[in-house]
Each structure stands twice: as C-alpha cells, then as structure tokens.
Amino acid sequence: MLPHSWSRRSRPNTLPPDRRHRSRWHGVSDDAGAVLLHLPSAAIPLPNNRRPLDTRFFHGAVERVVPLPVAGGTDVRIELRQHAEYQLAQNGSVLTVTFSAAQ
C-alpha cells in the first residue's frame, strides 16, 4: 500500500512534485506482479551484488529482487509471488519496503 498522499502509477519516477525534494528515491510503480523502485544516482559497485536475489524459498510475498542499472541511477524490481500490499519508509539514506503476506 502506498502512503495516502501518493497514487499508484504505471511508470517509475513519479513521486508528486512536492515530495521529490524530500527523498533520495524518486519513483515507485507497481502492478499485480512487481514493484519497481527508481533510485537516482545510486550504483551497485560490486558485480556480485548486481545479480538477482532469488527469495522464493522463504515462502514470503517476494519471489525475486532484481537490480537494474539505468541511466542516472538504479532501478530495483521486486517480483511478487502474488499481489501484496506494501509500505515504504525512509530513515536517512535507508529505504525500507515492507510487504504483507501474499494474497
């Protein structure tokens, strides 16, 4: 679930203009199968850390996490087992995405 002041969007980099200056991450989009975070100016320096993370063995809502280098930053695609509500929280430079159980 997105915070109440946001709406669901179909493409990344779509925080409302009044929220863009307050956050280091600038976008979130979702559909039934995935959540996509856009992290501007972010990079993953170690090649091994750029590999997809298979989490299906944990039986949670998240099936796989895929970092994607894009122009101007990094996208993180979080693939879901099934649709699940989620919440985003930022504390300093740490962004936390919390998912409910898959529905």
N, C-alpha and C. Protein backbone atom coordinates (compact mmCIF):
# COMPACT_ATOMS: atom_id res chain seq x y z
N MET A 1 0.85 -1.16 0.00
CA MET A 1 0.00 0.00 0.00
C MET A 1 0.90 1.23 0.00
N LEU A 2 0.57 2.17 -0.86
CA LEU A 2 1.33 3.40 -0.92
C LEU A 2 0.84 4.37 0.14
N PRO A 3 1.74 5.22 0.65
CA PRO A 3 1.28 6.23 1.60
C PRO A 3 0.09 7.00 1.03
N HIS A 4 -0.78 7.49 1.90
CA HIS A 4 -2.04 8.07 1.48
C HIS A 4 -1.92 9.23 0.50
N SER A 5 -0.81 9.94 0.47
CA SER A 5 -0.69 11.09 -0.42
C SER A 5 -0.22 10.72 -1.82
N TRP A 6 0.05 9.44 -2.07
CA TRP A 6 0.51 9.02 -3.38
C TRP A 6 -0.60 8.26 -4.07
N SER A 7 -0.47 8.14 -5.35
CA SER A 7 -1.38 7.28 -6.09
C SER A 7 -0.54 6.24 -6.82
N ARG A 8 -1.15 5.16 -7.19
CA ARG A 8 -0.44 4.13 -7.94
C ARG A 8 -0.16 4.66 -9.34
N ARG A 9 1.01 4.40 -9.83
CA ARG A 9 1.43 4.89 -11.14
C ARG A 9 1.87 3.73 -12.01
N SER A 10 1.88 3.94 -13.30
CA SER A 10 2.28 2.87 -14.21
C SER A 10 3.72 3.00 -14.66
N ARG A 11 4.44 4.01 -14.23
CA ARG A 11 5.84 4.14 -14.62
C ARG A 11 6.64 4.71 -13.46
N PRO A 12 7.96 4.45 -13.46
CA PRO A 12 8.77 4.93 -12.35
C PRO A 12 9.00 6.43 -12.39
N ASN A 13 9.62 6.95 -11.35
CA ASN A 13 10.00 8.34 -11.23
C ASN A 13 8.78 9.25 -11.16
N THR A 14 7.79 8.87 -10.35
CA THR A 14 6.54 9.60 -10.37
C THR A 14 6.07 10.05 -8.99
N LEU A 15 6.98 10.40 -8.10
CA LEU A 15 6.53 10.98 -6.84
C LEU A 15 5.88 12.32 -7.14
N PRO A 16 4.89 12.72 -6.38
CA PRO A 16 4.31 14.04 -6.58
C PRO A 16 5.39 15.11 -6.50
N PRO A 17 5.30 16.18 -7.29
CA PRO A 17 6.37 17.19 -7.32
C PRO A 17 6.73 17.75 -5.95
N ASP A 18 5.77 17.91 -5.05
CA ASP A 18 6.09 18.46 -3.74
C ASP A 18 6.85 17.48 -2.85
N ARG A 19 6.96 16.20 -3.22
CA ARG A 19 7.69 15.22 -2.42
C ARG A 19 9.08 14.93 -2.98
N ARG A 20 9.37 15.33 -4.22
CA ARG A 20 10.62 14.96 -4.86
C ARG A 20 11.84 15.48 -4.14
N HIS A 21 11.79 16.68 -3.63
CA HIS A 21 12.97 17.26 -2.99
C HIS A 21 13.24 16.67 -1.62
N ARG A 22 12.32 15.95 -1.02
CA ARG A 22 12.49 15.41 0.33
C ARG A 22 13.06 13.99 0.34
N SER A 23 13.23 13.40 -0.81
CA SER A 23 13.59 11.99 -0.84
C SER A 23 14.73 11.74 -1.80
N ARG A 24 15.56 10.76 -1.48
CA ARG A 24 16.64 10.37 -2.38
C ARG A 24 16.15 9.39 -3.44
N TRP A 25 15.03 8.77 -3.23
CA TRP A 25 14.46 7.88 -4.23
C TRP A 25 13.28 8.60 -4.84
N HIS A 26 13.15 8.47 -6.13
CA HIS A 26 12.21 9.33 -6.85
C HIS A 26 11.09 8.59 -7.53
N GLY A 27 10.91 7.36 -7.31
CA GLY A 27 9.81 6.75 -8.01
C GLY A 27 9.47 5.38 -7.52
N VAL A 28 8.22 5.06 -7.69
CA VAL A 28 7.73 3.73 -7.38
C VAL A 28 6.58 3.47 -8.33
N SER A 29 6.56 2.30 -8.89
CA SER A 29 5.42 1.89 -9.69
C SER A 29 5.14 0.45 -9.33
N ASP A 30 3.91 0.05 -9.53
CA ASP A 30 3.58 -1.32 -9.20
C ASP A 30 2.49 -1.84 -10.13
N ASP A 31 2.43 -3.15 -10.18
CA ASP A 31 1.34 -3.85 -10.84
C ASP A 31 1.12 -5.10 -10.00
N ALA A 32 0.29 -5.99 -10.44
CA ALA A 32 -0.03 -7.17 -9.63
C ALA A 32 1.20 -8.05 -9.40
N GLY A 33 2.19 -7.98 -10.29
CA GLY A 33 3.30 -8.90 -10.20
C GLY A 33 4.62 -8.35 -9.71
N ALA A 34 4.73 -7.02 -9.55
CA ALA A 34 6.03 -6.47 -9.18
C ALA A 34 5.90 -5.04 -8.67
N VAL A 35 6.94 -4.62 -7.94
CA VAL A 35 7.09 -3.23 -7.51
C VAL A 35 8.43 -2.78 -8.07
N LEU A 36 8.47 -1.60 -8.65
CA LEU A 36 9.70 -1.07 -9.24
C LEU A 36 10.07 0.21 -8.51
N LEU A 37 11.26 0.23 -7.92
CA LEU A 37 11.78 1.42 -7.25
C LEU A 37 12.85 2.04 -8.13
N HIS A 38 12.81 3.35 -8.30
CA HIS A 38 13.85 4.05 -9.04
C HIS A 38 14.69 4.82 -8.04
N LEU A 39 15.98 4.53 -8.02
CA LEU A 39 16.92 5.15 -7.09
C LEU A 39 17.90 6.01 -7.89
N PRO A 40 17.63 7.30 -8.03
CA PRO A 40 18.52 8.15 -8.82
C PRO A 40 19.90 8.27 -8.19
N SER A 41 20.89 8.31 -9.04
CA SER A 41 22.30 8.45 -8.63
C SER A 41 22.81 7.28 -7.81
N ALA A 42 22.05 6.20 -7.70
CA ALA A 42 22.51 5.03 -6.96
C ALA A 42 23.25 4.09 -7.91
N ALA A 43 24.26 3.44 -7.38
CA ALA A 43 25.03 2.47 -8.14
C ALA A 43 25.32 1.28 -7.25
N ILE A 44 25.54 0.14 -7.87
CA ILE A 44 25.94 -1.06 -7.14
C ILE A 44 27.34 -1.40 -7.62
N PRO A 45 28.36 -1.03 -6.84
CA PRO A 45 29.73 -1.14 -7.32
C PRO A 45 30.25 -2.57 -7.48
N LEU A 46 29.83 -3.50 -6.64
CA LEU A 46 30.36 -4.86 -6.72
C LEU A 46 29.54 -5.71 -7.70
N PRO A 47 30.19 -6.29 -8.71
CA PRO A 47 29.46 -7.08 -9.71
C PRO A 47 28.60 -8.19 -9.09
N ASN A 48 29.09 -8.84 -8.06
CA ASN A 48 28.32 -9.92 -7.45
C ASN A 48 27.01 -9.43 -6.83
N ASN A 49 26.98 -8.18 -6.37
CA ASN A 49 25.77 -7.61 -5.77
C ASN A 49 24.75 -7.15 -6.80
N ARG A 50 25.11 -7.21 -8.09
CA ARG A 50 24.19 -6.84 -9.16
C ARG A 50 23.37 -8.02 -9.67
N ARG A 51 23.60 -9.16 -9.09
CA ARG A 51 22.87 -10.37 -9.51
C ARG A 51 21.49 -10.41 -8.88
N PRO A 52 20.51 -11.01 -9.57
CA PRO A 52 19.17 -11.15 -8.98
C PRO A 52 19.24 -11.99 -7.70
N LEU A 53 18.37 -11.68 -6.77
CA LEU A 53 18.29 -12.38 -5.50
C LEU A 53 17.01 -13.23 -5.51
N ASP A 54 17.17 -14.53 -5.51
CA ASP A 54 16.03 -15.45 -5.53
C ASP A 54 15.57 -15.71 -4.11
N THR A 55 14.37 -15.27 -3.77
CA THR A 55 13.87 -15.41 -2.41
C THR A 55 12.65 -16.33 -2.32
N ARG A 56 12.36 -17.06 -3.37
CA ARG A 56 11.15 -17.89 -3.37
C ARG A 56 11.18 -18.99 -2.30
N PHE A 57 12.36 -19.36 -1.84
CA PHE A 57 12.49 -20.42 -0.83
C PHE A 57 12.05 -19.97 0.56
N PHE A 58 11.88 -18.66 0.75
CA PHE A 58 11.46 -18.14 2.05
C PHE A 58 9.94 -18.13 2.22
N HIS A 59 9.21 -18.40 1.16
CA HIS A 59 7.75 -18.50 1.17
C HIS A 59 7.06 -17.21 1.60
N GLY A 60 7.67 -16.08 1.35
CA GLY A 60 7.05 -14.79 1.64
C GLY A 60 6.42 -14.21 0.38
N ALA A 61 6.05 -12.96 0.44
CA ALA A 61 5.41 -12.29 -0.69
C ALA A 61 6.39 -12.04 -1.84
N VAL A 62 7.67 -11.85 -1.52
CA VAL A 62 8.68 -11.52 -2.54
C VAL A 62 9.29 -12.80 -3.10
N GLU A 63 9.26 -12.89 -4.42
CA GLU A 63 9.84 -14.07 -5.08
C GLU A 63 11.26 -13.81 -5.57
N ARG A 64 11.53 -12.57 -6.01
CA ARG A 64 12.84 -12.26 -6.55
C ARG A 64 13.07 -10.75 -6.51
N VAL A 65 14.31 -10.35 -6.29
CA VAL A 65 14.71 -8.94 -6.32
C VAL A 65 15.76 -8.80 -7.41
N VAL A 66 15.51 -7.89 -8.35
CA VAL A 66 16.41 -7.74 -9.50
C VAL A 66 16.88 -6.29 -9.59
N PRO A 67 18.17 -6.03 -9.36
CA PRO A 67 18.69 -4.68 -9.57
C PRO A 67 18.92 -4.45 -11.06
N LEU A 68 18.56 -3.27 -11.53
CA LEU A 68 18.68 -2.95 -12.96
C LEU A 68 19.40 -1.62 -13.12
N PRO A 69 20.61 -1.61 -13.69
CA PRO A 69 21.26 -0.32 -13.92
C PRO A 69 20.51 0.43 -15.02
N VAL A 70 20.21 1.69 -14.78
CA VAL A 70 19.52 2.53 -15.76
C VAL A 70 20.25 3.86 -15.84
N ALA A 71 19.97 4.62 -16.87
CA ALA A 71 20.59 5.94 -17.00
C ALA A 71 20.23 6.78 -15.78
N GLY A 72 21.23 7.31 -15.12
CA GLY A 72 21.00 8.19 -13.99
C GLY A 72 20.77 7.50 -12.67
N GLY A 73 20.93 6.18 -12.58
CA GLY A 73 20.72 5.53 -11.30
C GLY A 73 20.53 4.04 -11.41
N THR A 74 19.74 3.51 -10.51
CA THR A 74 19.46 2.07 -10.45
C THR A 74 17.98 1.87 -10.19
N ASP A 75 17.38 0.94 -10.90
CA ASP A 75 16.02 0.50 -10.60
C ASP A 75 16.11 -0.82 -9.85
N VAL A 76 15.20 -1.05 -8.93
CA VAL A 76 15.13 -2.32 -8.23
C VAL A 76 13.74 -2.88 -8.47
N ARG A 77 13.69 -3.99 -9.18
CA ARG A 77 12.41 -4.64 -9.47
C ARG A 77 12.21 -5.74 -8.44
N ILE A 78 11.11 -5.63 -7.68
CA ILE A 78 10.78 -6.61 -6.65
C ILE A 78 9.61 -7.42 -7.19
N GLU A 79 9.90 -8.65 -7.59
CA GLU A 79 8.88 -9.52 -8.19
C GLU A 79 8.14 -10.26 -7.09
N LEU A 80 6.83 -10.26 -7.18
CA LEU A 80 5.98 -10.82 -6.13
C LEU A 80 5.41 -12.17 -6.52
N ARG A 81 5.22 -13.00 -5.53
CA ARG A 81 4.57 -14.29 -5.72
C ARG A 81 3.12 -14.07 -6.18
N GLN A 82 2.43 -13.19 -5.50
CA GLN A 82 1.09 -12.73 -5.82
C GLN A 82 1.00 -11.29 -5.35
N HIS A 83 -0.09 -10.63 -5.69
CA HIS A 83 -0.25 -9.25 -5.24
C HIS A 83 -0.14 -9.18 -3.72
N ALA A 84 0.58 -8.19 -3.22
CA ALA A 84 0.73 -7.98 -1.78
C ALA A 84 0.78 -6.48 -1.53
N GLU A 85 0.16 -6.05 -0.46
CA GLU A 85 0.24 -4.65 -0.05
C GLU A 85 1.65 -4.39 0.49
N TYR A 86 2.11 -3.15 0.35
CA TYR A 86 3.43 -2.82 0.85
C TYR A 86 3.45 -1.40 1.40
N GLN A 87 4.45 -1.13 2.21
CA GLN A 87 4.67 0.20 2.76
C GLN A 87 6.13 0.57 2.56
N LEU A 88 6.37 1.83 2.29
CA LEU A 88 7.72 2.36 2.12
C LEU A 88 8.02 3.29 3.28
N ALA A 89 9.24 3.21 3.79
CA ALA A 89 9.68 4.11 4.84
C ALA A 89 11.14 4.46 4.59
N GLN A 90 11.47 5.72 4.80
CA GLN A 90 12.85 6.14 4.63
C GLN A 90 13.34 6.75 5.93
N ASN A 91 14.53 6.30 6.36
CA ASN A 91 15.18 6.82 7.55
C ASN A 91 16.59 7.18 7.13
N GLY A 92 16.84 8.45 6.92
CA GLY A 92 18.14 8.87 6.39
C GLY A 92 18.30 8.33 4.98
N SER A 93 19.38 7.61 4.75
CA SER A 93 19.63 7.05 3.42
C SER A 93 19.11 5.62 3.26
N VAL A 94 18.42 5.09 4.28
CA VAL A 94 17.93 3.72 4.23
C VAL A 94 16.45 3.72 3.84
N LEU A 95 16.15 3.03 2.76
CA LEU A 95 14.78 2.87 2.30
C LEU A 95 14.34 1.45 2.63
N THR A 96 13.23 1.32 3.34
CA THR A 96 12.71 0.00 3.73
C THR A 96 11.37 -0.22 3.05
N VAL A 97 11.23 -1.38 2.41
CA VAL A 97 9.96 -1.77 1.80
C VAL A 97 9.46 -2.98 2.58
N THR A 98 8.28 -2.85 3.16
CA THR A 98 7.70 -3.92 3.96
C THR A 98 6.45 -4.44 3.25
N PHE A 99 6.40 -5.76 3.06
CA PHE A 99 5.28 -6.38 2.35
C PHE A 99 4.40 -7.16 3.32
N SER A 100 3.09 -7.13 3.05
CA SER A 100 2.17 -8.00 3.78
C SER A 100 2.27 -9.39 3.17
N ALA A 101 1.63 -10.36 3.78
CA ALA A 101 1.61 -11.71 3.21
C ALA A 101 0.94 -11.67 1.83
N ALA A 102 1.38 -12.52 0.93
CA ALA A 102 0.78 -12.60 -0.40
C ALA A 102 -0.69 -12.95 -0.28
N GLN A 103 -1.50 -12.33 -1.15
CA GLN A 103 -2.94 -12.57 -1.10
C GLN A 103 -3.36 -13.57 -2.16
